[in-house]
Amino acid sequence: MRINDPCGNRRLRRTTAGVTVLGCALFLASCDERPFSSPAPAGGVKAQTVSAGPFTFENFPLGAVPGTVCPGASACTNGAAEPAIRADNTGTFYVSSELGLSAGTLAWKSTDGGLHYTALESPNQISQAFGGVGPGGGDTDLSTAPDANANGIHNVYVASLSLANVTVSTSQDGGNTWSKNVLSATIPGDDREWIAADQATKVCISYHDIVTFNIDVNCSFDAGASFTQLGSAIDVAHAFLLEDNEIGNLTIDPNSHVVYQAFSGIATATEALLPTAFHAVWLARSRDGGQTFTDKAVYVNPNTSASYGHQFVNVSVDRAGTVYVVYTDDHNLFYSFSTDGGDTWTGPIQVNQAPSATAVMPWSVACDPGQLNIVWYGTSFYDGTTAPDNYPASAAWYVFFAQNLNAAVTGSTFTQAAATPIIHYGGVCESGVGCTGNRDLYDDFGVAVNPTTGLASITYSDDQPGNVGKDDHTAIATQTMGPKICAGP
């Protein structure tokens, strides 16, 4: 049996009696509490242009002080990592990034298509002047409401982890002010939460509760003030997955209101009795708004030593209701798609191409029918035996961006490009507190698309110029030229 640690969502061994070898509380000092007191250098106040293939991206770091506009200010520096990004239906981008457990989060907003980002008041801090004393701050995720509220503004939600519970902060005025619910999870004692919004005021979170390791889904109908509906993403027929799964993200189709929860795990009940890798990709689907779920296998690799239990299986939905699930085996990146709401699946289809011989930590965004963008951290190094944790110092990592305008058609192709300069050298650890190597890239990042222009904005972790443990910061790559998806409402 396995249980994830509360920091990096990685599995720890349990004894045969089911007792955790190392208790959750013991990890508090070693989770995401990094040396954030020394912010990363700004690396210059101007954006760095990266052109590859048909795409052009502007790259720049973000500022931590509220009101700082980046690029262009000497204060464009921060010490956050593992960011998330979303765009609302007006084309406004929002970004959140974690400072670490109990330290809160940072947040930013762009109203000019991602060309500039303004630092907002931190969603999770009691007082910005205190440097972060609010609950939460680990494993941040973000969502925007598809429909406007009574004041004509799309609500913004930032979720973060406190271990004891999940904090959800809500802004109903475009990120100017935040209300905070520090007890958003009905079941306390939680790990790796995700958040997804629907309509004007509905928002749901999913998380592992660390007692049963179930994937719980809580929903709020009052913009996060209270979470009154609780469902289980793992259905009764697949209860064998309870201790043998790794959670992926949560999303809601704004048209059908179907709720989707992605995860990886074992394939059969028999495998729960024997050591096995997470060689199955799963999707939980709820057609009653998150009350009940049915689990469907997206893909089961017949090679039981194959593993998709890496951060993180990702799900997105286009405007036609086609569902895309993206996953990696720590070498190649694949996607599968379903045009019938998850009943049947086509795939796996490989996404990454040379020079990205290794592809990890994927995220996707879909928009107009068949149009899909995928990002990941990639390097040209791959020798078939070395895990990314132990890659040599010569391995250079970039953010790769791939776009497919016919992703729901078998045989369609992706256009791929590096969207950033080098962001990291060497190993990339994916084992949370069990890491033996460099963890500067942490566990995930993201991409969103401006629905009014069709251009993407990517937020990512960067540790360059490379002063280990001190230069970590959150940065942006905004697409300024090249093919688009989602152009127009």
Protein backbone atom coordinates (compact mmCIF):
# COMPACT_ATOMS: atom_id res chain seq x y z
CA MET A 1 0.00 0.00 0.00
CA ARG A 2 1.19 3.54 -0.67
CA ILE A 3 0.51 7.00 0.59
CA ASN A 4 1.63 10.32 -0.86
CA ASP A 5 3.71 12.70 1.17
CA PRO A 6 2.05 16.07 1.78
CA CYS A 7 4.72 18.06 -0.02
CA GLY A 8 5.49 16.60 -3.41
CA ASN A 9 2.58 14.19 -3.86
CA ARG A 10 4.96 11.26 -3.87
CA ARG A 11 4.28 7.88 -2.34
CA LEU A 12 5.65 6.67 0.97
CA ARG A 13 5.69 3.06 2.03
CA ARG A 14 3.25 1.85 4.63
CA THR A 15 3.78 -1.11 6.90
CA THR A 16 1.72 -4.23 6.23
CA ALA A 17 -0.46 -3.25 9.17
CA GLY A 18 -1.38 -0.07 7.33
CA VAL A 19 0.49 2.27 9.68
CA THR A 20 2.30 5.13 8.05
CA VAL A 21 6.04 4.74 8.46
CA LEU A 22 6.54 8.49 8.76
CA GLY A 23 3.66 10.59 9.99
CA CYS A 24 2.35 13.58 8.07
CA ALA A 25 3.32 16.09 10.73
CA LEU A 26 6.97 15.15 10.47
CA PHE A 27 7.14 16.62 6.98
CA LEU A 28 6.09 20.13 7.89
CA ALA A 29 9.62 21.43 8.18
CA SER A 30 10.84 19.83 4.98
CA CYS A 31 8.01 20.41 2.52
CA ASP A 32 7.90 23.54 0.38
CA GLU A 33 9.59 25.71 2.98
CA ARG A 34 12.47 26.81 0.82
CA PRO A 35 14.92 29.70 1.36
CA PHE A 36 12.51 32.27 -0.03
CA SER A 37 14.09 35.04 2.03
CA SER A 38 16.56 35.57 -0.82
CA PRO A 39 14.47 36.37 -3.91
CA ALA A 40 15.78 35.45 -7.31
CA PRO A 41 17.51 38.16 -9.31
CA ALA A 42 15.39 39.97 -11.84
CA GLY A 43 17.65 38.92 -14.69
CA GLY A 44 17.09 42.30 -16.34
CA VAL A 45 13.98 44.42 -16.55
CA LYS A 46 13.30 43.75 -20.23
CA ALA A 47 11.56 40.76 -21.74
CA GLN A 48 13.70 38.22 -23.60
CA THR A 49 12.35 37.24 -27.00
CA VAL A 50 12.45 33.58 -27.99
CA SER A 51 11.54 32.66 -31.57
CA ALA A 52 11.36 29.03 -32.63
CA GLY A 53 9.53 27.62 -35.61
CA PRO A 54 6.42 29.69 -36.24
CA PHE A 55 6.12 30.87 -32.63
CA THR A 56 7.54 33.88 -30.79
CA PHE A 57 7.42 34.26 -26.99
CA GLU A 58 8.32 37.10 -24.63
CA ASN A 59 9.94 35.83 -21.40
CA PHE A 60 10.29 37.75 -18.15
CA PRO A 61 10.27 37.20 -14.35
CA LEU A 62 7.43 38.48 -12.16
CA GLY A 63 7.58 40.84 -9.17
CA ALA A 64 6.60 40.00 -5.60
CA VAL A 65 5.68 43.49 -4.35
CA PRO A 66 2.00 44.37 -4.94
CA GLY A 67 1.62 46.89 -7.75
CA THR A 68 4.86 45.95 -9.50
CA VAL A 69 4.39 45.75 -13.27
CA CYS A 70 6.68 43.36 -15.15
CA PRO A 71 8.64 43.57 -17.35
CA GLY A 72 10.04 47.06 -16.97
CA ALA A 73 10.65 47.44 -13.22
CA SER A 74 13.76 46.75 -11.16
CA ALA A 75 11.47 44.98 -8.65
CA CYS A 76 10.65 42.22 -11.14
CA THR A 77 11.93 39.50 -8.86
CA ASN A 78 10.31 36.84 -6.70
CA GLY A 79 11.10 33.66 -4.82
CA ALA A 80 8.01 31.62 -5.67
CA ALA A 81 7.73 28.39 -7.66
CA GLU A 82 5.27 25.80 -9.01
CA PRO A 83 2.85 28.31 -10.55
CA ALA A 84 -0.64 28.02 -12.06
CA ILE A 85 -2.32 30.18 -14.72
CA ARG A 86 -5.84 30.69 -16.09
CA ALA A 87 -7.59 33.20 -18.36
CA ASP A 88 -11.15 34.40 -17.92
CA ASN A 89 -13.55 34.99 -20.80
CA THR A 90 -12.53 38.64 -21.12
CA GLY A 91 -8.93 37.67 -21.86
CA THR A 92 -7.55 38.59 -18.44
CA PHE A 93 -4.78 36.24 -17.27
CA TYR A 94 -4.31 35.34 -13.59
CA VAL A 95 -1.26 33.58 -12.12
CA SER A 96 -0.61 32.18 -8.64
CA SER A 97 2.60 30.67 -7.29
CA GLU A 98 3.49 29.20 -3.94
CA LEU A 99 5.80 30.55 -1.27
CA GLY A 100 5.63 27.35 0.78
CA LEU A 101 3.54 25.93 3.60
CA SER A 102 2.26 28.62 6.01
CA ALA A 103 3.91 31.35 3.91
CA GLY A 104 1.00 32.02 1.55
CA THR A 105 0.99 32.57 -2.19
CA LEU A 106 1.80 35.29 -4.69
CA ALA A 107 -0.61 36.31 -7.45
CA TRP A 108 -0.49 38.39 -10.64
CA LYS A 109 -2.84 39.73 -13.29
CA SER A 110 -2.48 40.72 -16.94
CA THR A 111 -5.04 42.77 -18.84
CA ASP A 112 -2.97 43.26 -22.02
CA GLY A 113 -2.81 39.70 -23.29
CA GLY A 114 0.09 38.60 -21.08
CA LEU A 115 2.57 41.23 -22.25
CA HIS A 116 2.70 42.73 -18.72
CA TYR A 117 1.73 41.30 -15.34
CA THR A 118 0.89 43.31 -12.21
CA ALA A 119 1.55 41.81 -8.78
CA LEU A 120 -1.61 41.56 -6.67
CA GLU A 121 -2.13 41.47 -2.94
CA SER A 122 -1.33 37.93 -1.84
CA PRO A 123 -4.49 35.80 -1.67
CA ASN A 124 -3.39 33.81 1.39
CA GLN A 125 -1.49 36.21 3.62
CA ILE A 126 -3.11 37.89 6.61
CA SER A 127 -0.83 40.85 6.09
CA GLN A 128 1.51 41.44 3.17
CA ALA A 129 3.80 43.39 5.49
CA PHE A 130 4.35 40.30 7.64
CA GLY A 131 5.83 38.42 4.70
CA GLY A 132 3.24 35.68 4.83
CA VAL A 133 1.62 34.38 7.99
CA GLY A 134 -1.65 33.15 6.57
CA PRO A 135 -2.59 29.46 6.40
CA GLY A 136 -1.97 27.75 3.12
CA GLY A 137 0.84 28.39 0.69
CA GLY A 138 1.63 24.89 -0.54
CA ASP A 139 0.56 23.30 -3.84
CA THR A 140 -1.24 26.28 -5.32
CA ASP A 141 -3.89 26.01 -8.04
CA LEU A 142 -6.13 28.65 -9.64
CA SER A 143 -9.43 28.90 -11.51
CA THR A 144 -11.63 31.57 -13.06
CA ALA A 145 -15.42 31.49 -13.30
CA PRO A 146 -16.74 31.04 -16.86
CA ASP A 147 -19.71 33.33 -16.15
CA ALA A 148 -19.58 36.84 -14.72
CA ASN A 149 -20.91 37.65 -11.25
CA ALA A 150 -23.61 40.20 -10.45
CA ASN A 151 -21.08 43.01 -10.91
CA GLY A 152 -20.04 41.80 -14.34
CA ILE A 153 -16.69 40.40 -13.14
CA HIS A 154 -15.46 36.82 -13.37
CA ASN A 155 -14.60 35.43 -9.94
CA VAL A 156 -11.02 34.27 -9.37
CA TYR A 157 -10.20 31.41 -7.00
CA VAL A 158 -6.79 30.47 -5.58
CA ALA A 159 -6.42 27.21 -3.68
CA SER A 160 -3.45 26.24 -1.56
CA LEU A 161 -2.50 23.55 0.91
CA SER A 162 -1.97 23.83 4.66
CA LEU A 163 -1.73 20.05 5.29
CA ALA A 164 -4.43 20.33 7.92
CA ASN A 165 -6.88 21.55 5.30
CA VAL A 166 -7.26 23.40 2.01
CA THR A 167 -7.41 27.19 1.80
CA VAL A 168 -9.54 28.73 -0.95
CA SER A 169 -9.27 32.49 -1.51
CA THR A 170 -11.89 34.22 -3.66
CA SER A 171 -11.76 37.56 -5.42
CA GLN A 172 -14.97 38.98 -6.81
CA ASP A 173 -13.39 42.25 -7.96
CA GLY A 174 -10.64 41.20 -10.35
CA GLY A 175 -7.99 40.34 -7.77
CA ASN A 176 -8.09 43.63 -5.87
CA THR A 177 -9.36 42.07 -2.65
CA TRP A 178 -9.68 38.49 -1.37
CA SER A 179 -11.88 36.59 1.03
CA LYS A 180 -10.38 33.46 2.55
CA ASN A 181 -11.84 30.09 3.62
CA VAL A 182 -9.17 28.13 5.49
CA LEU A 183 -11.43 25.09 6.03
CA SER A 184 -12.57 24.43 2.48
CA ALA A 185 -12.07 20.66 2.66
CA THR A 186 -14.85 18.76 4.41
CA ILE A 187 -12.35 16.03 5.30
CA PRO A 188 -9.28 17.44 7.12
CA GLY A 189 -5.72 16.22 6.66
CA ASP A 190 -5.17 16.76 2.95
CA ASP A 191 -2.66 16.52 0.13
CA ARG A 192 -2.32 18.09 -3.37
CA GLU A 193 -5.51 19.98 -4.03
CA TRP A 194 -6.92 21.18 -7.37
CA ILE A 195 -9.67 23.70 -8.12
CA ALA A 196 -12.17 24.24 -10.95
CA ALA A 197 -14.95 26.81 -11.33
CA ASP A 198 -18.31 26.60 -13.07
CA GLN A 199 -21.01 29.16 -13.87
CA ALA A 200 -20.77 32.39 -11.85
CA THR A 201 -20.41 31.18 -8.26
CA LYS A 202 -19.85 27.42 -8.24
CA VAL A 203 -16.34 26.17 -7.48
CA CYS A 204 -15.07 22.69 -6.67
CA ILE A 205 -11.86 21.40 -5.14
CA SER A 206 -10.38 17.91 -5.24
CA TYR A 207 -7.73 16.51 -2.93
CA HIS A 208 -6.33 13.39 -1.33
CA ASP A 209 -7.41 12.87 2.24
CA ILE A 210 -4.38 11.22 3.79
CA VAL A 211 -6.31 8.74 5.91
CA THR A 212 -8.08 6.82 3.14
CA PHE A 213 -6.16 8.31 0.21
CA ASN A 214 -9.47 8.75 -1.54
CA ILE A 215 -9.80 11.54 -4.12
CA ASP A 216 -12.47 13.73 -2.54
CA VAL A 217 -14.35 16.38 -4.50
CA ASN A 218 -15.94 19.24 -2.54
CA CYS A 219 -18.15 21.84 -4.21
CA SER A 220 -19.25 25.32 -3.15
CA PHE A 221 -22.25 27.18 -4.57
CA ASP A 222 -21.52 30.52 -2.88
CA ALA A 223 -18.16 31.44 -4.42
CA GLY A 224 -16.09 29.46 -1.94
CA ALA A 225 -17.64 30.78 1.28
CA SER A 226 -18.78 27.26 2.17
CA PHE A 227 -18.16 23.83 0.64
CA THR A 228 -21.31 21.82 1.27
CA GLN A 229 -21.26 19.06 -1.36
CA LEU A 230 -18.87 16.11 -1.01
CA GLY A 231 -18.31 13.39 -3.59
CA SER A 232 -15.78 10.64 -4.19
CA ALA A 233 -13.93 10.53 -7.51
CA ILE A 234 -13.11 6.85 -6.95
CA ASP A 235 -16.29 4.84 -7.36
CA VAL A 236 -17.22 1.67 -5.47
CA ALA A 237 -16.33 -0.60 -8.39
CA HIS A 238 -12.77 0.75 -8.34
CA ALA A 239 -12.18 0.90 -4.60
CA PHE A 240 -8.93 -1.01 -5.16
CA LEU A 241 -7.50 2.30 -6.39
CA LEU A 242 -7.89 4.01 -3.02
CA GLU A 243 -4.34 3.38 -1.85
CA ASP A 244 -2.83 3.06 -5.30
CA ASN A 245 -3.41 6.27 -7.21
CA GLU A 246 -1.79 9.60 -7.94
CA ILE A 247 -4.14 12.53 -8.28
CA GLY A 248 -4.23 14.73 -11.39
CA ASN A 249 -6.13 17.95 -12.01
CA LEU A 250 -9.84 18.74 -11.85
CA THR A 251 -11.79 20.48 -14.63
CA ILE A 252 -15.43 21.27 -15.43
CA ASP A 253 -16.91 21.55 -18.92
CA PRO A 254 -18.62 24.98 -18.85
CA ASN A 255 -21.18 23.90 -21.45
CA SER A 256 -22.31 20.50 -20.16
CA HIS A 257 -21.21 21.11 -16.53
CA VAL A 258 -19.71 17.61 -16.44
CA VAL A 259 -16.94 17.36 -13.82
CA TYR A 260 -13.75 15.50 -14.74
CA GLN A 261 -10.99 14.31 -12.39
CA ALA A 262 -7.80 12.82 -13.85
CA PHE A 263 -5.50 10.40 -12.06
CA SER A 264 -3.14 7.48 -12.60
CA GLY A 265 -2.98 4.19 -10.71
CA ILE A 266 -2.90 0.45 -10.86
CA ALA A 267 -5.15 -1.37 -13.32
CA THR A 268 -6.83 -4.19 -11.36
CA ALA A 269 -7.71 -5.25 -7.83
CA THR A 270 -5.17 -8.07 -8.07
CA GLU A 271 -2.38 -5.56 -8.51
CA ALA A 272 -3.21 -4.01 -5.14
CA LEU A 273 -1.78 -7.14 -3.53
CA LEU A 274 1.48 -7.06 -5.47
CA PRO A 275 4.08 -4.37 -6.12
CA THR A 276 3.27 -2.67 -9.41
CA ALA A 277 3.75 0.61 -11.20
CA PHE A 278 0.92 3.00 -11.97
CA HIS A 279 0.58 1.81 -15.56
CA ALA A 280 -3.07 2.87 -15.94
CA VAL A 281 -4.45 6.33 -16.68
CA TRP A 282 -7.94 6.98 -15.29
CA LEU A 283 -10.62 9.62 -15.60
CA ALA A 284 -13.45 10.06 -13.10
CA ARG A 285 -16.59 11.63 -14.59
CA SER A 286 -19.57 13.21 -12.85
CA ARG A 287 -22.73 14.09 -14.75
CA ASP A 288 -24.58 15.30 -11.66
CA GLY A 289 -22.35 18.21 -10.77
CA GLY A 290 -19.82 16.36 -8.64
CA GLN A 291 -22.16 14.36 -6.41
CA THR A 292 -21.29 10.96 -7.87
CA PHE A 293 -18.53 9.78 -10.21
CA THR A 294 -17.89 6.90 -12.59
CA ASP A 295 -14.31 5.84 -13.31
CA LYS A 296 -13.13 5.01 -16.82
CA ALA A 297 -9.74 3.71 -17.89
CA VAL A 298 -8.22 6.09 -20.45
CA TYR A 299 -5.29 3.80 -21.20
CA VAL A 300 -3.80 0.72 -19.57
CA ASN A 301 -0.27 -0.10 -20.65
CA PRO A 302 0.11 -3.91 -20.88
CA ASN A 303 3.65 -3.46 -19.59
CA THR A 304 2.98 -3.39 -15.85
CA SER A 305 6.37 -1.83 -15.15
CA ALA A 306 5.47 1.28 -17.16
CA SER A 307 4.51 4.21 -14.95
CA TYR A 308 2.34 7.26 -15.52
CA GLY A 309 2.52 8.09 -11.81
CA HIS A 310 4.43 11.28 -12.43
CA GLN A 311 3.31 14.86 -11.81
CA PHE A 312 0.64 15.11 -13.12
CA VAL A 313 -1.94 13.47 -15.38
CA ASN A 314 -3.78 16.42 -16.92
CA VAL A 315 -7.28 16.80 -18.37
CA SER A 316 -8.79 19.58 -20.49
CA VAL A 317 -11.99 19.96 -22.54
CA ASP A 318 -12.60 21.86 -25.78
CA ARG A 319 -15.73 23.78 -26.76
CA ALA A 320 -17.19 20.76 -28.54
CA GLY A 321 -16.93 18.71 -25.36
CA THR A 322 -13.98 16.61 -26.57
CA VAL A 323 -11.91 15.51 -23.58
CA TYR A 324 -8.09 15.35 -23.70
CA VAL A 325 -5.94 13.55 -21.13
CA VAL A 326 -2.18 14.12 -21.18
CA TYR A 327 0.38 11.92 -19.39
CA THR A 328 4.07 11.06 -19.33
CA ASP A 329 6.16 7.97 -18.59
CA ASP A 330 9.16 10.17 -17.66
CA HIS A 331 10.48 9.79 -21.21
CA ASN A 332 7.73 10.49 -23.74
CA LEU A 333 4.57 12.52 -23.46
CA PHE A 334 1.24 11.15 -24.72
CA TYR A 335 -2.37 12.20 -25.02
CA SER A 336 -5.65 10.38 -25.47
CA PHE A 337 -8.93 11.94 -26.54
CA SER A 338 -12.62 11.12 -26.22
CA THR A 339 -15.41 12.59 -28.35
CA ASP A 340 -18.20 10.94 -26.33
CA GLY A 341 -17.59 12.42 -22.91
CA GLY A 342 -15.13 9.80 -21.73
CA ASP A 343 -16.98 6.62 -22.69
CA THR A 344 -14.38 5.57 -25.27
CA TRP A 345 -10.82 6.71 -25.92
CA THR A 346 -8.37 7.06 -28.78
CA GLY A 347 -4.66 6.91 -27.89
CA PRO A 348 -2.03 6.97 -26.61
CA ILE A 349 -0.58 9.37 -29.17
CA GLN A 350 2.95 10.67 -28.64
CA VAL A 351 3.32 14.44 -28.48
CA ASN A 352 6.99 15.30 -27.91
CA GLN A 353 9.45 15.29 -30.80
CA ALA A 354 13.18 15.87 -31.06
CA PRO A 355 14.96 17.68 -29.51
CA SER A 356 12.77 16.93 -26.46
CA ALA A 357 13.89 13.35 -25.79
CA THR A 358 12.60 13.65 -22.22
CA ALA A 359 9.26 15.28 -21.40
CA VAL A 360 7.93 15.76 -17.85
CA MET A 361 5.26 17.73 -15.94
CA PRO A 362 2.72 18.34 -18.75
CA TRP A 363 -0.18 20.77 -18.78
CA SER A 364 -2.75 21.38 -21.51
CA VAL A 365 -5.41 23.84 -22.58
CA ALA A 366 -8.08 23.19 -25.21
CA CYS A 367 -10.40 25.69 -26.83
CA ASP A 368 -12.14 25.63 -30.23
CA PRO A 369 -13.08 22.12 -31.41
CA GLY A 370 -9.96 20.01 -31.89
CA GLN A 371 -7.54 22.75 -30.89
CA LEU A 372 -5.05 21.85 -28.16
CA ASN A 373 -1.92 23.40 -26.65
CA ILE A 374 0.41 21.33 -24.45
CA VAL A 375 3.46 22.45 -22.47
CA TRP A 376 6.12 20.48 -20.60
CA TYR A 377 9.67 20.66 -19.26
CA GLY A 378 11.94 18.97 -21.79
CA THR A 379 15.59 18.19 -22.48
CA SER A 380 17.48 16.47 -25.28
CA PHE A 381 19.10 14.09 -22.80
CA TYR A 382 17.83 10.51 -22.57
CA ASP A 383 19.93 7.36 -22.20
CA GLY A 384 17.20 4.81 -21.48
CA THR A 385 18.41 4.01 -17.96
CA THR A 386 18.89 7.20 -15.95
CA ALA A 387 15.90 8.70 -14.15
CA PRO A 388 15.42 12.47 -14.53
CA ASP A 389 16.40 12.85 -10.88
CA ASN A 390 19.95 11.81 -11.81
CA TYR A 391 20.39 13.51 -15.17
CA PRO A 392 23.89 14.93 -15.71
CA ALA A 393 24.71 18.60 -15.17
CA SER A 394 24.96 19.00 -18.94
CA ALA A 395 21.23 18.26 -19.41
CA ALA A 396 19.65 21.57 -20.39
CA TRP A 397 15.92 22.00 -19.76
CA TYR A 398 13.46 24.26 -21.58
CA VAL A 399 9.72 24.85 -21.55
CA PHE A 400 8.39 23.20 -24.71
CA PHE A 401 5.15 24.28 -26.35
CA ALA A 402 3.22 22.10 -28.81
CA GLN A 403 0.06 22.96 -30.71
CA ASN A 404 -2.38 20.78 -32.66
CA LEU A 405 -5.29 22.33 -34.56
CA ASN A 406 -6.90 18.93 -35.25
CA ALA A 407 -6.15 17.03 -32.06
CA ALA A 408 -9.42 15.08 -32.20
CA VAL A 409 -8.37 13.48 -35.50
CA THR A 410 -6.15 10.41 -35.52
CA GLY A 411 -2.92 11.07 -37.41
CA SER A 412 -2.94 14.81 -36.81
CA THR A 413 0.37 16.43 -35.90
CA PHE A 414 1.75 18.90 -33.38
CA THR A 415 3.87 21.94 -34.13
CA GLN A 416 6.52 22.07 -31.39
CA ALA A 417 8.90 24.80 -30.21
CA ALA A 418 10.97 25.77 -27.17
CA ALA A 419 9.16 28.72 -25.62
CA THR A 420 11.94 29.77 -23.22
CA PRO A 421 15.69 30.06 -22.85
CA ILE A 422 17.35 27.36 -20.70
CA ILE A 423 15.53 27.31 -17.35
CA HIS A 424 17.48 24.56 -15.56
CA TYR A 425 20.50 22.26 -15.83
CA GLY A 426 20.91 18.74 -14.48
CA GLY A 427 18.51 16.51 -12.58
CA VAL A 428 14.81 17.15 -12.08
CA CYS A 429 13.55 15.47 -8.95
CA GLU A 430 9.93 14.30 -8.86
CA SER A 431 9.92 12.54 -5.50
CA GLY A 432 8.87 15.31 -3.13
CA VAL A 433 10.60 15.08 0.23
CA GLY A 434 12.16 11.83 -0.96
CA CYS A 435 14.25 13.78 -3.47
CA THR A 436 17.94 13.01 -3.66
CA GLY A 437 18.57 15.54 -6.41
CA ASN A 438 17.64 19.05 -7.47
CA ARG A 439 14.02 20.08 -6.96
CA ASP A 440 14.15 23.63 -8.33
CA LEU A 441 11.39 22.95 -10.89
CA TYR A 442 9.14 21.40 -8.23
CA ASP A 443 6.05 19.56 -9.48
CA ASP A 444 4.06 21.42 -12.13
CA PHE A 445 3.41 24.62 -14.06
CA GLY A 446 0.82 25.73 -16.61
CA VAL A 447 -0.48 27.34 -19.79
CA ALA A 448 -3.63 29.31 -20.60
CA VAL A 449 -5.01 30.96 -23.73
CA ASN A 450 -6.53 34.39 -24.17
CA PRO A 451 -9.95 33.63 -25.71
CA THR A 452 -10.08 37.04 -27.39
CA THR A 453 -6.75 36.70 -29.26
CA GLY A 454 -6.02 32.95 -29.28
CA LEU A 455 -2.49 33.56 -27.98
CA ALA A 456 -1.02 31.59 -25.07
CA SER A 457 0.66 32.66 -21.87
CA ILE A 458 2.81 30.14 -19.97
CA THR A 459 3.97 30.43 -16.36
CA TYR A 460 6.93 28.34 -15.26
CA SER A 461 9.65 27.85 -12.64
CA ASP A 462 13.15 29.04 -13.51
CA ASP A 463 16.38 28.66 -11.51
CA GLN A 464 18.73 30.53 -13.79
CA PRO A 465 21.38 31.94 -13.63
CA GLY A 466 21.84 28.85 -11.51
CA ASN A 467 22.75 29.63 -7.92
CA VAL A 468 21.25 26.42 -6.53
CA GLY A 469 18.45 26.96 -4.05
CA LYS A 470 18.60 30.76 -4.30
CA ASP A 471 17.60 31.71 -7.83
CA ASP A 472 14.24 29.91 -8.00
CA HIS A 473 11.54 32.18 -9.33
CA THR A 474 8.31 32.25 -11.30
CA ALA A 475 8.48 33.57 -14.86
CA ILE A 476 6.22 34.10 -17.86
CA ALA A 477 6.45 33.20 -21.55
CA THR A 478 3.74 34.96 -23.54
CA GLN A 479 3.09 34.09 -27.17
CA THR A 480 3.19 37.14 -29.44
CA MET A 481 3.30 35.51 -32.89
CA GLY A 482 2.38 32.24 -34.52
CA PRO A 483 -0.64 29.97 -34.97
CA LYS A 484 -3.47 30.45 -32.48
CA ILE A 485 -6.24 28.51 -30.84
CA CYS A 486 -9.43 29.85 -29.28
CA ALA A 487 -9.46 33.02 -31.38
CA GLY A 488 -12.74 34.71 -30.56
CA PRO A 489 -15.56 33.86 -28.14
